[in-house]
Each structure stands twice: as structure tokens, then as C-alpha cells.
All heavy atoms as atom14 arrays in JSON, in Angstrom:
{
  "sequence": "GIELFTRLGDVNSLVHLQFLLGLSLSFAGRRDEASAA",
  "atom14_mask": [
    [1, 1, 1, 1, 0, 0, 0, 0, 0, 0, 0, 0, 0, 0],
    [1, 1, 1, 1, 1, 1, 1, 1, 0, 0, 0, 0, 0, 0],
    [1, 1, 1, 1, 1, 1, 1, 1, 1, 0, 0, 0, 0, 0],
    [1, 1, 1, 1, 1, 1, 1, 1, 0, 0, 0, 0, 0, 0],
    [1, 1, 1, 1, 1, 1, 1, 1, 1, 1, 1, 0, 0, 0],
    [1, 1, 1, 1, 1, 1, 1, 0, 0, 0, 0, 0, 0, 0],
    [1, 1, 1, 1, 1, 1, 1, 1, 1, 1, 1, 0, 0, 0],
    [1, 1, 1, 1, 1, 1, 1, 1, 0, 0, 0, 0, 0, 0],
    [1, 1, 1, 1, 0, 0, 0, 0, 0, 0, 0, 0, 0, 0],
    [1, 1, 1, 1, 1, 1, 1, 1, 0, 0, 0, 0, 0, 0],
    [1, 1, 1, 1, 1, 1, 1, 0, 0, 0, 0, 0, 0, 0],
    [1, 1, 1, 1, 1, 1, 1, 1, 0, 0, 0, 0, 0, 0],
    [1, 1, 1, 1, 1, 1, 0, 0, 0, 0, 0, 0, 0, 0],
    [1, 1, 1, 1, 1, 1, 1, 1, 0, 0, 0, 0, 0, 0],
    [1, 1, 1, 1, 1, 1, 1, 0, 0, 0, 0, 0, 0, 0],
    [1, 1, 1, 1, 1, 1, 1, 1, 1, 1, 0, 0, 0, 0],
    [1, 1, 1, 1, 1, 1, 1, 1, 0, 0, 0, 0, 0, 0],
    [1, 1, 1, 1, 1, 1, 1, 1, 1, 0, 0, 0, 0, 0],
    [1, 1, 1, 1, 1, 1, 1, 1, 1, 1, 1, 0, 0, 0],
    [1, 1, 1, 1, 1, 1, 1, 1, 0, 0, 0, 0, 0, 0],
    [1, 1, 1, 1, 1, 1, 1, 1, 0, 0, 0, 0, 0, 0],
    [1, 1, 1, 1, 0, 0, 0, 0, 0, 0, 0, 0, 0, 0],
    [1, 1, 1, 1, 1, 1, 1, 1, 0, 0, 0, 0, 0, 0],
    [1, 1, 1, 1, 1, 1, 0, 0, 0, 0, 0, 0, 0, 0],
    [1, 1, 1, 1, 1, 1, 1, 1, 0, 0, 0, 0, 0, 0],
    [1, 1, 1, 1, 1, 1, 0, 0, 0, 0, 0, 0, 0, 0],
    [1, 1, 1, 1, 1, 1, 1, 1, 1, 1, 1, 0, 0, 0],
    [1, 1, 1, 1, 1, 0, 0, 0, 0, 0, 0, 0, 0, 0],
    [1, 1, 1, 1, 0, 0, 0, 0, 0, 0, 0, 0, 0, 0],
    [1, 1, 1, 1, 1, 1, 1, 1, 1, 1, 1, 0, 0, 0],
    [1, 1, 1, 1, 1, 1, 1, 1, 1, 1, 1, 0, 0, 0],
    [1, 1, 1, 1, 1, 1, 1, 1, 0, 0, 0, 0, 0, 0],
    [1, 1, 1, 1, 1, 1, 1, 1, 1, 0, 0, 0, 0, 0],
    [1, 1, 1, 1, 1, 0, 0, 0, 0, 0, 0, 0, 0, 0],
    [1, 1, 1, 1, 1, 1, 0, 0, 0, 0, 0, 0, 0, 0],
    [1, 1, 1, 1, 1, 0, 0, 0, 0, 0, 0, 0, 0, 0],
    [1, 1, 1, 1, 1, 0, 0, 0, 0, 0, 0, 0, 0, 0]
  ],
  "atom14_positions": [
    [[62.18, 31.08, -88.29], [61.35, 32.15, -88.99], [61.09, 33.37, -88.06], [61.11, 34.45, -88.57], [0.0, 0.0, 0.0], [0.0, 0.0, 0.0], [0.0, 0.0, 0.0], [0.0, 0.0, 0.0], [0.0, 0.0, 0.0], [0.0, 0.0, 0.0], [0.0, 0.0, 0.0], [0.0, 0.0, 0.0], [0.0, 0.0, 0.0], [0.0, 0.0, 0.0]],
    [[60.94, 33.16, -86.8], [60.76, 34.26, -85.87], [61.95, 35.17, -85.87], [61.88, 36.42, -85.94], [60.46, 33.76, -84.38], [59.0, 33.16, -84.43], [60.67, 34.84, -83.39], [58.72, 32.38, -83.09], [0.0, 0.0, 0.0], [0.0, 0.0, 0.0], [0.0, 0.0, 0.0], [0.0, 0.0, 0.0], [0.0, 0.0, 0.0], [0.0, 0.0, 0.0]],
    [[63.11, 34.53, -85.87], [64.3, 35.4, -85.93], [64.43, 36.22, -87.23], [64.76, 37.42, -87.14], [65.58, 34.45, -85.86], [66.89, 35.14, -85.86], [68.06, 34.19, -85.8], [67.84, 32.98, -85.48], [69.24, 34.61, -86.05], [0.0, 0.0, 0.0], [0.0, 0.0, 0.0], [0.0, 0.0, 0.0], [0.0, 0.0, 0.0], [0.0, 0.0, 0.0]],
    [[64.03, 35.62, -88.34], [64.1, 36.36, -89.58], [62.99, 37.44, -89.65], [63.27, 38.55, -90.14], [64.04, 35.4, -90.74], [64.3, 35.88, -92.1], [65.58, 36.75, -92.23], [64.32, 34.73, -93.18], [0.0, 0.0, 0.0], [0.0, 0.0, 0.0], [0.0, 0.0, 0.0], [0.0, 0.0, 0.0], [0.0, 0.0, 0.0], [0.0, 0.0, 0.0]],
    [[61.8, 37.1, -89.3], [60.66, 38.09, -89.28], [60.96, 39.28, -88.36], [60.59, 40.4, -88.59], [59.35, 37.42, -88.94], [58.74, 36.72, -90.08], [58.35, 35.35, -89.9], [58.47, 37.3, -91.28], [57.72, 34.67, -90.97], [57.86, 36.67, -92.36], [57.51, 35.25, -92.24], [0.0, 0.0, 0.0], [0.0, 0.0, 0.0], [0.0, 0.0, 0.0]],
    [[61.68, 39.02, -87.29], [61.95, 40.09, -86.35], [62.95, 41.03, -87.03], [62.77, 42.23, -86.83], [62.65, 39.5, -85.07], [61.69, 38.68, -84.41], [62.96, 40.6, -84.12], [0.0, 0.0, 0.0], [0.0, 0.0, 0.0], [0.0, 0.0, 0.0], [0.0, 0.0, 0.0], [0.0, 0.0, 0.0], [0.0, 0.0, 0.0], [0.0, 0.0, 0.0]],
    [[63.89, 40.54, -87.71], [64.85, 41.33, -88.42], [64.17, 42.13, -89.57], [64.54, 43.29, -89.86], [65.97, 40.5, -89.0], [67.14, 41.33, -89.53], [68.44, 40.46, -89.65], [68.38, 39.62, -90.87], [68.32, 38.32, -90.84], [68.38, 37.66, -89.66], [68.24, 37.55, -91.97], [0.0, 0.0, 0.0], [0.0, 0.0, 0.0], [0.0, 0.0, 0.0]],
    [[63.22, 41.54, -90.25], [62.47, 42.1, -91.31], [61.43, 43.16, -90.86], [60.9, 43.96, -91.68], [61.92, 41.13, -92.24], [62.87, 40.22, -93.0], [62.14, 39.03, -93.68], [63.58, 41.04, -94.04], [0.0, 0.0, 0.0], [0.0, 0.0, 0.0], [0.0, 0.0, 0.0], [0.0, 0.0, 0.0], [0.0, 0.0, 0.0], [0.0, 0.0, 0.0]],
    [[61.03, 42.97, -89.61], [60.01, 43.9, -89.02], [58.58, 43.62, -89.4], [57.71, 44.41, -89.43], [0.0, 0.0, 0.0], [0.0, 0.0, 0.0], [0.0, 0.0, 0.0], [0.0, 0.0, 0.0], [0.0, 0.0, 0.0], [0.0, 0.0, 0.0], [0.0, 0.0, 0.0], [0.0, 0.0, 0.0], [0.0, 0.0, 0.0], [0.0, 0.0, 0.0]],
    [[58.32, 42.32, -89.71], [56.94, 41.95, -90.09], [56.17, 41.44, -88.91], [56.26, 40.26, -88.51], [57.02, 40.81, -91.16], [55.65, 40.42, -91.73], [54.62, 40.88, -91.16], [55.6, 39.56, -92.67], [0.0, 0.0, 0.0], [0.0, 0.0, 0.0], [0.0, 0.0, 0.0], [0.0, 0.0, 0.0], [0.0, 0.0, 0.0], [0.0, 0.0, 0.0]],
    [[55.43, 42.33, -88.29], [54.68, 42.04, -87.01], [53.63, 41.02, -87.3], [53.35, 40.13, -86.44], [54.22, 43.29, -86.24], [53.5, 42.94, -85.03], [55.39, 44.23, -85.96], [0.0, 0.0, 0.0], [0.0, 0.0, 0.0], [0.0, 0.0, 0.0], [0.0, 0.0, 0.0], [0.0, 0.0, 0.0], [0.0, 0.0, 0.0], [0.0, 0.0, 0.0]],
    [[52.87, 41.18, -88.37], [51.75, 40.31, -88.67], [52.21, 38.88, -88.67], [51.72, 37.93, -87.97], [51.22, 40.62, -90.07], [50.23, 41.79, -89.96], [49.74, 42.16, -88.95], [50.07, 42.45, -91.14], [0.0, 0.0, 0.0], [0.0, 0.0, 0.0], [0.0, 0.0, 0.0], [0.0, 0.0, 0.0], [0.0, 0.0, 0.0], [0.0, 0.0, 0.0]],
    [[53.26, 38.6, -89.54], [53.75, 37.2, -89.52], [54.42, 36.78, -88.26], [54.31, 35.58, -87.84], [54.73, 37.04, -90.67], [54.08, 37.38, -91.94], [0.0, 0.0, 0.0], [0.0, 0.0, 0.0], [0.0, 0.0, 0.0], [0.0, 0.0, 0.0], [0.0, 0.0, 0.0], [0.0, 0.0, 0.0], [0.0, 0.0, 0.0], [0.0, 0.0, 0.0]],
    [[55.04, 37.68, -87.53], [55.76, 37.33, -86.33], [54.72, 36.87, -85.25], [55.04, 35.91, -84.59], [56.46, 38.63, -85.81], [57.4, 38.42, -84.63], [58.47, 37.42, -84.94], [58.02, 39.83, -84.2], [0.0, 0.0, 0.0], [0.0, 0.0, 0.0], [0.0, 0.0, 0.0], [0.0, 0.0, 0.0], [0.0, 0.0, 0.0], [0.0, 0.0, 0.0]],
    [[53.58, 37.55, -85.17], [52.61, 37.09, -84.1], [52.07, 35.75, -84.47], [51.97, 34.86, -83.58], [51.45, 38.16, -84.09], [50.33, 37.58, -83.28], [51.92, 39.49, -83.5], [0.0, 0.0, 0.0], [0.0, 0.0, 0.0], [0.0, 0.0, 0.0], [0.0, 0.0, 0.0], [0.0, 0.0, 0.0], [0.0, 0.0, 0.0], [0.0, 0.0, 0.0]],
    [[51.79, 35.46, -85.75], [51.26, 34.15, -86.12], [52.31, 33.1, -85.86], [52.0, 32.02, -85.35], [50.85, 34.25, -87.55], [50.03, 33.03, -87.97], [49.6, 32.87, -89.26], [49.6, 31.96, -87.3], [48.94, 31.69, -89.35], [48.94, 31.13, -88.22], [0.0, 0.0, 0.0], [0.0, 0.0, 0.0], [0.0, 0.0, 0.0], [0.0, 0.0, 0.0]],
    [[53.48, 33.35, -86.23], [54.54, 32.35, -86.15], [54.93, 32.12, -84.66], [55.35, 30.99, -84.26], [55.77, 32.73, -86.97], [56.72, 31.65, -87.39], [55.92, 30.48, -88.1], [57.77, 32.11, -88.33], [0.0, 0.0, 0.0], [0.0, 0.0, 0.0], [0.0, 0.0, 0.0], [0.0, 0.0, 0.0], [0.0, 0.0, 0.0], [0.0, 0.0, 0.0]],
    [[54.82, 33.14, -83.8], [55.13, 33.03, -82.4], [54.08, 32.07, -81.76], [54.43, 31.17, -80.98], [55.0, 34.35, -81.72], [55.57, 34.38, -80.25], [57.09, 34.12, -80.26], [57.86, 34.88, -80.8], [57.5, 33.05, -79.58], [0.0, 0.0, 0.0], [0.0, 0.0, 0.0], [0.0, 0.0, 0.0], [0.0, 0.0, 0.0], [0.0, 0.0, 0.0]],
    [[52.81, 32.2, -82.2], [51.73, 31.22, -81.77], [52.08, 29.79, -82.27], [52.0, 28.82, -81.56], [50.42, 31.62, -82.16], [49.43, 30.43, -82.26], [48.95, 29.87, -81.08], [48.98, 30.05, -83.47], [48.11, 28.73, -81.14], [48.11, 28.88, -83.54], [47.64, 28.33, -82.36], [0.0, 0.0, 0.0], [0.0, 0.0, 0.0], [0.0, 0.0, 0.0]],
    [[52.5, 29.75, -83.56], [52.75, 28.4, -84.14], [53.89, 27.8, -83.49], [53.92, 26.5, -83.3], [52.97, 28.59, -85.67], [52.98, 27.33, -86.53], [51.79, 26.54, -86.39], [53.2, 27.72, -87.98], [0.0, 0.0, 0.0], [0.0, 0.0, 0.0], [0.0, 0.0, 0.0], [0.0, 0.0, 0.0], [0.0, 0.0, 0.0], [0.0, 0.0, 0.0]],
    [[54.91, 28.53, -83.06], [55.99, 27.97, -82.29], [55.47, 27.28, -80.93], [55.86, 26.22, -80.61], [57.07, 29.05, -81.99], [58.19, 28.61, -81.01], [59.0, 27.49, -81.54], [59.01, 29.85, -80.65], [0.0, 0.0, 0.0], [0.0, 0.0, 0.0], [0.0, 0.0, 0.0], [0.0, 0.0, 0.0], [0.0, 0.0, 0.0], [0.0, 0.0, 0.0]],
    [[54.63, 28.12, -80.27], [54.09, 27.55, -79.0], [53.25, 26.23, -79.27], [53.36, 25.31, -78.48], [0.0, 0.0, 0.0], [0.0, 0.0, 0.0], [0.0, 0.0, 0.0], [0.0, 0.0, 0.0], [0.0, 0.0, 0.0], [0.0, 0.0, 0.0], [0.0, 0.0, 0.0], [0.0, 0.0, 0.0], [0.0, 0.0, 0.0], [0.0, 0.0, 0.0]],
    [[52.5, 26.24, -80.31], [51.63, 25.13, -80.65], [52.51, 23.89, -80.93], [52.26, 22.8, -80.48], [50.75, 25.4, -81.86], [49.77, 24.31, -82.25], [48.71, 24.09, -81.21], [49.09, 24.66, -83.58], [0.0, 0.0, 0.0], [0.0, 0.0, 0.0], [0.0, 0.0, 0.0], [0.0, 0.0, 0.0], [0.0, 0.0, 0.0], [0.0, 0.0, 0.0]],
    [[53.65, 24.13, -81.68], [54.5, 22.98, -82.09], [55.13, 22.41, -80.82], [55.25, 21.2, -80.58], [55.56, 23.53, -83.03], [55.02, 23.97, -84.23], [0.0, 0.0, 0.0], [0.0, 0.0, 0.0], [0.0, 0.0, 0.0], [0.0, 0.0, 0.0], [0.0, 0.0, 0.0], [0.0, 0.0, 0.0], [0.0, 0.0, 0.0], [0.0, 0.0, 0.0]],
    [[55.54, 23.28, -79.89], [56.17, 22.87, -78.68], [55.21, 22.11, -77.82], [55.5, 21.12, -77.13], [56.77, 24.04, -77.92], [58.01, 24.69, -78.63], [58.28, 26.05, -77.97], [59.23, 23.83, -78.57], [0.0, 0.0, 0.0], [0.0, 0.0, 0.0], [0.0, 0.0, 0.0], [0.0, 0.0, 0.0], [0.0, 0.0, 0.0], [0.0, 0.0, 0.0]],
    [[53.92, 22.67, -77.81], [52.88, 21.93, -77.03], [52.68, 20.53, -77.53], [52.56, 19.58, -76.85], [51.53, 22.74, -77.0], [51.66, 23.92, -76.31], [0.0, 0.0, 0.0], [0.0, 0.0, 0.0], [0.0, 0.0, 0.0], [0.0, 0.0, 0.0], [0.0, 0.0, 0.0], [0.0, 0.0, 0.0], [0.0, 0.0, 0.0], [0.0, 0.0, 0.0]],
    [[52.58, 20.49, -78.88], [52.28, 19.17, -79.56], [53.47, 18.21, -79.27], [53.29, 16.99, -79.16], [52.16, 19.31, -81.0], [50.74, 19.87, -81.43], [50.51, 20.14, -82.79], [49.77, 20.05, -80.54], [49.29, 20.59, -83.17], [48.5, 20.56, -80.9], [48.28, 20.77, -82.26], [0.0, 0.0, 0.0], [0.0, 0.0, 0.0], [0.0, 0.0, 0.0]],
    [[54.68, 18.81, -79.11], [55.93, 17.92, -78.88], [56.0, 17.62, -77.4], [56.99, 16.83, -77.06], [57.11, 18.7, -79.34], [0.0, 0.0, 0.0], [0.0, 0.0, 0.0], [0.0, 0.0, 0.0], [0.0, 0.0, 0.0], [0.0, 0.0, 0.0], [0.0, 0.0, 0.0], [0.0, 0.0, 0.0], [0.0, 0.0, 0.0], [0.0, 0.0, 0.0]],
    [[55.11, 18.07, -76.56], [55.2, 17.72, -75.15], [56.22, 18.6, -74.36], [56.46, 18.39, -73.19], [0.0, 0.0, 0.0], [0.0, 0.0, 0.0], [0.0, 0.0, 0.0], [0.0, 0.0, 0.0], [0.0, 0.0, 0.0], [0.0, 0.0, 0.0], [0.0, 0.0, 0.0], [0.0, 0.0, 0.0], [0.0, 0.0, 0.0], [0.0, 0.0, 0.0]],
    [[56.77, 19.63, -75.0], [57.74, 20.54, -74.37], [57.01, 21.79, -73.78], [57.13, 22.88, -74.24], [58.8, 20.93, -75.34], [59.58, 19.7, -75.92], [60.19, 19.9, -77.29], [61.08, 20.99, -77.39], [61.73, 21.4, -78.54], [61.5, 20.79, -79.67], [62.52, 22.45, -78.47], [0.0, 0.0, 0.0], [0.0, 0.0, 0.0], [0.0, 0.0, 0.0]],
    [[56.29, 21.54, -72.75], [55.23, 22.55, -72.28], [55.98, 23.75, -71.62], [55.37, 24.85, -71.7], [54.24, 21.86, -71.4], [53.48, 20.76, -72.09], [52.16, 20.35, -71.28], [51.4, 19.39, -72.14], [51.55, 18.13, -72.04], [52.35, 17.63, -71.21], [50.8, 17.3, -72.83], [0.0, 0.0, 0.0], [0.0, 0.0, 0.0], [0.0, 0.0, 0.0]],
    [[56.99, 23.62, -70.98], [57.67, 24.81, -70.44], [58.17, 25.77, -71.5], [57.97, 26.93, -71.36], [58.83, 24.33, -69.53], [58.46, 23.68, -68.22], [57.28, 23.9, -67.84], [59.17, 22.88, -67.67], [0.0, 0.0, 0.0], [0.0, 0.0, 0.0], [0.0, 0.0, 0.0], [0.0, 0.0, 0.0], [0.0, 0.0, 0.0], [0.0, 0.0, 0.0]],
    [[58.68, 25.13, -72.52], [59.18, 26.04, -73.66], [57.98, 26.61, -74.41], [57.97, 27.71, -74.83], [59.95, 25.2, -74.62], [61.27, 24.63, -74.08], [61.97, 23.65, -75.07], [62.51, 24.17, -76.09], [61.86, 22.45, -74.93], [0.0, 0.0, 0.0], [0.0, 0.0, 0.0], [0.0, 0.0, 0.0], [0.0, 0.0, 0.0], [0.0, 0.0, 0.0]],
    [[56.88, 25.82, -74.45], [55.66, 26.37, -75.05], [55.08, 27.54, -74.37], [54.65, 28.55, -74.93], [54.61, 25.25, -75.17], [0.0, 0.0, 0.0], [0.0, 0.0, 0.0], [0.0, 0.0, 0.0], [0.0, 0.0, 0.0], [0.0, 0.0, 0.0], [0.0, 0.0, 0.0], [0.0, 0.0, 0.0], [0.0, 0.0, 0.0], [0.0, 0.0, 0.0]],
    [[55.17, 27.5, -72.98], [54.64, 28.52, -72.17], [55.46, 29.81, -72.39], [54.89, 30.88, -72.51], [54.74, 28.18, -70.7], [54.28, 29.2, -69.8], [0.0, 0.0, 0.0], [0.0, 0.0, 0.0], [0.0, 0.0, 0.0], [0.0, 0.0, 0.0], [0.0, 0.0, 0.0], [0.0, 0.0, 0.0], [0.0, 0.0, 0.0], [0.0, 0.0, 0.0]],
    [[56.8, 29.72, -72.54], [57.57, 30.85, -72.87], [57.19, 31.44, -74.26], [57.24, 32.68, -74.42], [59.02, 30.44, -72.84], [0.0, 0.0, 0.0], [0.0, 0.0, 0.0], [0.0, 0.0, 0.0], [0.0, 0.0, 0.0], [0.0, 0.0, 0.0], [0.0, 0.0, 0.0], [0.0, 0.0, 0.0], [0.0, 0.0, 0.0], [0.0, 0.0, 0.0]],
    [[56.96, 30.62, -75.19], [56.59, 31.01, -76.53], [55.22, 31.79, -76.48], [55.05, 32.83, -77.15], [56.53, 29.88, -77.52], [0.0, 0.0, 0.0], [0.0, 0.0, 0.0], [0.0, 0.0, 0.0], [0.0, 0.0, 0.0], [0.0, 0.0, 0.0], [0.0, 0.0, 0.0], [0.0, 0.0, 0.0], [0.0, 0.0, 0.0], [0.0, 0.0, 0.0]]
  ]
}
């Protein structure tokens, strides 16, 4: 979704989804990737 929202230029959704990516990675225990997100 981040890749698509970046292409579409929707910053509102991009910010929210960027956080949601980090949260998903944190929940999955992938903390280094979450930190990058």
C-alpha cells in the first residue's frame, strides 16, 4: 500500500500506513525492520 500511495501522492494515507507497517512489524517481532518503518 505504501508503494501505491507514494505513486498516487496521498500523504495522509501514506503517513498512517507507514505507522501501520511499523506496528505490524513490531507485532511480528521484526523490530529492526519496524524501527526503519
